[in-house]
Amino acid sequence: IDGHVGGVNDLAFSHPNKQLSVITCGDDKTIKVWDAATGAKQYTFEGHEAPVYSVCPHYKENIQVHDPAARNSGENDLSVQRIL
C-alpha cells in the first residue's frame, strides 16, 4: 500500500455506513482508513509513539477515535467522535 512510510503491519476491513473501507497500520506509527472502492485515503490517525502492529475494527460499530485534545481545544465537548 503506497501510503505508509515503511512496512504495513496489518490490515482489516470495515463496513461503516454500508461503505467498504480498508484500515491499515504500519511502522510509520499511523493508522489509515481507505475507501475500498476507489483506494482514496479517508483518514490518517497519528500520535502513536511506536509502530502500530494490529488493527481490529468492531464489525457492528462505526469507526471512532478518542482525542483527548478535543476537550482542551474548546471546539468539541466530546473526546470520542464518530468519523464513519
N, C-alpha and C. Protein backbone atom coordinates (compact mmCIF):
# COMPACT_ATOMS: atom_id res chain seq x y z
N ILE A 1 0.86 -1.17 0.00
CA ILE A 1 0.00 0.00 0.00
C ILE A 1 0.90 1.22 0.00
N ASP A 2 0.73 2.04 -0.98
CA ASP A 2 1.57 3.22 -1.13
C ASP A 2 0.98 4.38 -0.36
N GLY A 3 1.06 4.29 0.95
CA GLY A 3 0.51 5.35 1.77
C GLY A 3 1.19 5.41 3.12
N HIS A 4 1.94 4.36 3.44
CA HIS A 4 2.70 4.31 4.68
C HIS A 4 4.18 4.47 4.35
N VAL A 5 4.92 5.04 5.28
CA VAL A 5 6.36 5.11 5.16
C VAL A 5 6.89 3.90 5.92
N GLY A 6 7.51 2.97 5.24
CA GLY A 6 7.94 1.72 5.86
C GLY A 6 6.89 0.64 5.66
N GLY A 7 7.00 -0.39 6.47
CA GLY A 7 6.13 -1.55 6.31
C GLY A 7 4.70 -1.34 6.77
N VAL A 8 3.79 -2.07 6.12
CA VAL A 8 2.40 -2.16 6.56
C VAL A 8 2.31 -3.41 7.42
N ASN A 9 1.88 -3.27 8.67
CA ASN A 9 1.89 -4.40 9.61
C ASN A 9 0.59 -5.17 9.67
N ASP A 10 -0.53 -4.56 9.35
CA ASP A 10 -1.81 -5.25 9.42
C ASP A 10 -2.81 -4.47 8.57
N LEU A 11 -3.85 -5.17 8.16
CA LEU A 11 -4.98 -4.50 7.52
C LEU A 11 -6.25 -5.23 7.91
N ALA A 12 -7.33 -4.50 7.89
CA ALA A 12 -8.63 -5.05 8.25
C ALA A 12 -9.68 -4.36 7.39
N PHE A 13 -10.81 -5.01 7.26
CA PHE A 13 -11.92 -4.45 6.51
C PHE A 13 -13.01 -4.02 7.47
N SER A 14 -13.67 -2.93 7.13
CA SER A 14 -14.77 -2.42 7.92
C SER A 14 -15.87 -1.99 6.95
N HIS A 15 -17.09 -2.00 7.41
CA HIS A 15 -18.22 -1.69 6.53
C HIS A 15 -19.11 -0.62 7.17
N PRO A 16 -18.54 0.52 7.58
CA PRO A 16 -19.37 1.56 8.20
C PRO A 16 -20.26 2.23 7.16
N ASN A 17 -21.46 2.53 7.57
CA ASN A 17 -22.40 3.24 6.68
C ASN A 17 -22.54 2.58 5.31
N LYS A 18 -22.44 1.26 5.29
CA LYS A 18 -22.59 0.48 4.06
C LYS A 18 -21.56 0.85 3.00
N GLN A 19 -20.39 1.30 3.46
CA GLN A 19 -19.30 1.65 2.56
C GLN A 19 -18.08 0.84 3.00
N LEU A 20 -17.56 -0.01 2.12
CA LEU A 20 -16.43 -0.85 2.47
C LEU A 20 -15.17 -0.01 2.59
N SER A 21 -14.50 -0.15 3.74
CA SER A 21 -13.25 0.55 4.00
C SER A 21 -12.17 -0.46 4.35
N VAL A 22 -10.94 -0.08 4.09
CA VAL A 22 -9.77 -0.86 4.48
C VAL A 22 -9.02 -0.02 5.50
N ILE A 23 -8.67 -0.63 6.63
CA ILE A 23 -7.91 0.05 7.68
C ILE A 23 -6.54 -0.59 7.72
N THR A 24 -5.49 0.24 7.66
CA THR A 24 -4.13 -0.26 7.70
C THR A 24 -3.36 0.39 8.84
N CYS A 25 -2.30 -0.28 9.27
CA CYS A 25 -1.41 0.31 10.27
C CYS A 25 0.02 -0.07 9.90
N GLY A 26 0.98 0.73 10.37
CA GLY A 26 2.33 0.46 9.92
C GLY A 26 3.44 0.93 10.83
N ASP A 27 4.65 0.71 10.30
CA ASP A 27 5.86 1.10 11.00
C ASP A 27 5.98 2.61 11.17
N ASP A 28 5.22 3.38 10.38
CA ASP A 28 5.29 4.84 10.46
C ASP A 28 4.44 5.41 11.59
N LYS A 29 3.93 4.53 12.48
CA LYS A 29 3.19 4.93 13.68
C LYS A 29 1.83 5.52 13.36
N THR A 30 1.25 5.13 12.23
CA THR A 30 -0.06 5.66 11.85
C THR A 30 -1.05 4.54 11.58
N ILE A 31 -2.32 4.91 11.64
CA ILE A 31 -3.43 4.08 11.20
C ILE A 31 -4.13 4.87 10.10
N LYS A 32 -4.43 4.22 8.99
CA LYS A 32 -5.07 4.91 7.87
C LYS A 32 -6.33 4.17 7.46
N VAL A 33 -7.33 4.95 7.05
CA VAL A 33 -8.60 4.40 6.58
C VAL A 33 -8.73 4.76 5.11
N TRP A 34 -9.04 3.74 4.29
CA TRP A 34 -9.10 3.89 2.84
C TRP A 34 -10.47 3.49 2.33
N ASP A 35 -10.94 4.16 1.30
CA ASP A 35 -12.14 3.74 0.60
C ASP A 35 -11.77 2.54 -0.27
N ALA A 36 -12.39 1.38 -0.02
CA ALA A 36 -12.02 0.16 -0.73
C ALA A 36 -12.37 0.24 -2.22
N ALA A 37 -13.39 0.98 -2.58
CA ALA A 37 -13.80 1.06 -3.98
C ALA A 37 -12.87 1.93 -4.82
N THR A 38 -12.40 3.03 -4.24
CA THR A 38 -11.60 3.98 -5.01
C THR A 38 -10.12 3.97 -4.65
N GLY A 39 -9.78 3.45 -3.47
CA GLY A 39 -8.41 3.49 -3.00
C GLY A 39 -8.03 4.81 -2.37
N ALA A 40 -8.96 5.74 -2.29
CA ALA A 40 -8.67 7.07 -1.73
C ALA A 40 -8.52 6.98 -0.22
N LYS A 41 -7.53 7.69 0.29
CA LYS A 41 -7.33 7.75 1.74
C LYS A 41 -8.40 8.66 2.33
N GLN A 42 -9.08 8.18 3.39
CA GLN A 42 -10.13 8.96 4.04
C GLN A 42 -9.64 9.63 5.32
N TYR A 43 -8.85 8.92 6.10
CA TYR A 43 -8.38 9.44 7.39
C TYR A 43 -6.99 8.91 7.69
N THR A 44 -6.22 9.70 8.43
CA THR A 44 -4.95 9.26 8.99
C THR A 44 -4.96 9.59 10.47
N PHE A 45 -4.67 8.58 11.28
CA PHE A 45 -4.57 8.76 12.73
C PHE A 45 -3.10 8.73 13.10
N GLU A 46 -2.61 9.82 13.69
CA GLU A 46 -1.22 9.95 14.07
C GLU A 46 -1.12 10.10 15.57
N GLY A 47 0.09 9.98 16.10
CA GLY A 47 0.30 10.24 17.51
C GLY A 47 0.79 9.04 18.30
N HIS A 48 0.84 7.87 17.68
CA HIS A 48 1.38 6.71 18.39
C HIS A 48 2.88 6.92 18.58
N GLU A 49 3.40 6.41 19.67
CA GLU A 49 4.82 6.59 19.97
C GLU A 49 5.67 5.45 19.42
N ALA A 50 5.05 4.43 18.89
CA ALA A 50 5.76 3.27 18.35
C ALA A 50 4.99 2.76 17.14
N PRO A 51 5.60 1.89 16.35
CA PRO A 51 4.86 1.30 15.22
C PRO A 51 3.56 0.65 15.69
N VAL A 52 2.56 0.71 14.84
CA VAL A 52 1.27 0.08 15.14
C VAL A 52 1.27 -1.28 14.45
N TYR A 53 1.05 -2.34 15.23
CA TYR A 53 1.18 -3.69 14.69
C TYR A 53 -0.14 -4.36 14.36
N SER A 54 -1.25 -3.86 14.88
CA SER A 54 -2.51 -4.56 14.66
C SER A 54 -3.68 -3.58 14.71
N VAL A 55 -4.69 -3.84 13.89
CA VAL A 55 -5.95 -3.11 13.94
C VAL A 55 -7.09 -4.12 13.93
N CYS A 56 -8.16 -3.79 14.62
CA CYS A 56 -9.31 -4.69 14.68
C CYS A 56 -10.57 -3.87 14.87
N PRO A 57 -11.18 -3.39 13.80
CA PRO A 57 -12.41 -2.62 13.94
C PRO A 57 -13.56 -3.52 14.38
N HIS A 58 -14.46 -2.97 15.14
CA HIS A 58 -15.64 -3.71 15.58
C HIS A 58 -16.61 -3.81 14.42
N TYR A 59 -17.10 -4.99 14.14
CA TYR A 59 -17.92 -5.19 12.96
C TYR A 59 -19.30 -4.56 13.05
N LYS A 60 -19.75 -4.19 14.24
CA LYS A 60 -21.08 -3.59 14.37
C LYS A 60 -21.04 -2.10 14.69
N GLU A 61 -19.89 -1.55 14.87
CA GLU A 61 -19.78 -0.15 15.28
C GLU A 61 -19.10 0.67 14.20
N ASN A 62 -19.43 1.94 14.16
CA ASN A 62 -18.71 2.88 13.31
C ASN A 62 -17.31 3.06 13.85
N ILE A 63 -16.41 3.48 12.99
CA ILE A 63 -15.05 3.76 13.43
C ILE A 63 -15.09 5.01 14.28
N GLN A 64 -14.47 4.95 15.45
CA GLN A 64 -14.44 6.08 16.36
C GLN A 64 -13.00 6.35 16.76
N VAL A 65 -12.72 7.58 17.10
CA VAL A 65 -11.40 7.94 17.56
C VAL A 65 -11.54 8.70 18.87
N HIS A 66 -10.64 8.40 19.80
CA HIS A 66 -10.60 9.12 21.07
C HIS A 66 -9.52 10.18 20.94
N ASP A 67 -9.90 11.42 21.13
CA ASP A 67 -8.95 12.53 21.01
C ASP A 67 -8.97 13.34 22.29
N PRO A 68 -8.03 13.05 23.21
CA PRO A 68 -8.01 13.79 24.47
C PRO A 68 -7.86 15.29 24.29
N ALA A 69 -7.22 15.73 23.22
CA ALA A 69 -7.03 17.16 22.99
C ALA A 69 -8.33 17.86 22.64
N ALA A 70 -9.32 17.12 22.19
CA ALA A 70 -10.59 17.73 21.79
C ALA A 70 -11.26 18.44 22.95
N ARG A 71 -11.14 17.92 24.15
CA ARG A 71 -11.73 18.57 25.32
C ARG A 71 -11.04 19.89 25.63
N ASN A 72 -9.75 19.93 25.40
CA ASN A 72 -8.97 21.11 25.76
C ASN A 72 -9.01 22.19 24.68
N SER A 73 -9.41 21.83 23.48
CA SER A 73 -9.34 22.80 22.39
C SER A 73 -10.50 23.78 22.40
N GLY A 74 -11.58 23.43 23.11
CA GLY A 74 -12.74 24.28 23.13
C GLY A 74 -13.64 24.10 21.92
N GLU A 75 -13.22 23.27 20.97
CA GLU A 75 -14.01 23.07 19.76
C GLU A 75 -15.12 22.06 19.95
N ASN A 76 -14.90 21.07 20.79
CA ASN A 76 -15.87 19.99 20.96
C ASN A 76 -16.04 19.69 22.44
N ASP A 77 -17.22 19.27 22.80
CA ASP A 77 -17.47 18.86 24.17
C ASP A 77 -17.16 17.39 24.39
N LEU A 78 -17.04 16.62 23.31
CA LEU A 78 -16.82 15.19 23.42
C LEU A 78 -15.40 14.84 23.01
N SER A 79 -14.81 13.87 23.69
CA SER A 79 -13.48 13.43 23.31
C SER A 79 -13.53 12.17 22.46
N VAL A 80 -14.70 11.56 22.31
CA VAL A 80 -14.85 10.43 21.40
C VAL A 80 -15.76 10.88 20.28
N GLN A 81 -15.28 10.79 19.07
CA GLN A 81 -16.03 11.30 17.94
C GLN A 81 -16.20 10.20 16.90
N ARG A 82 -17.38 10.11 16.33
CA ARG A 82 -17.64 9.17 15.24
C ARG A 82 -17.15 9.80 13.96
N ILE A 83 -16.36 9.06 13.19
CA ILE A 83 -15.86 9.61 11.94
C ILE A 83 -16.44 8.91 10.73
N LEU A 84 -16.90 7.70 10.87
CA LEU A 84 -17.51 6.99 9.75
C LEU A 84 -18.78 6.35 10.21
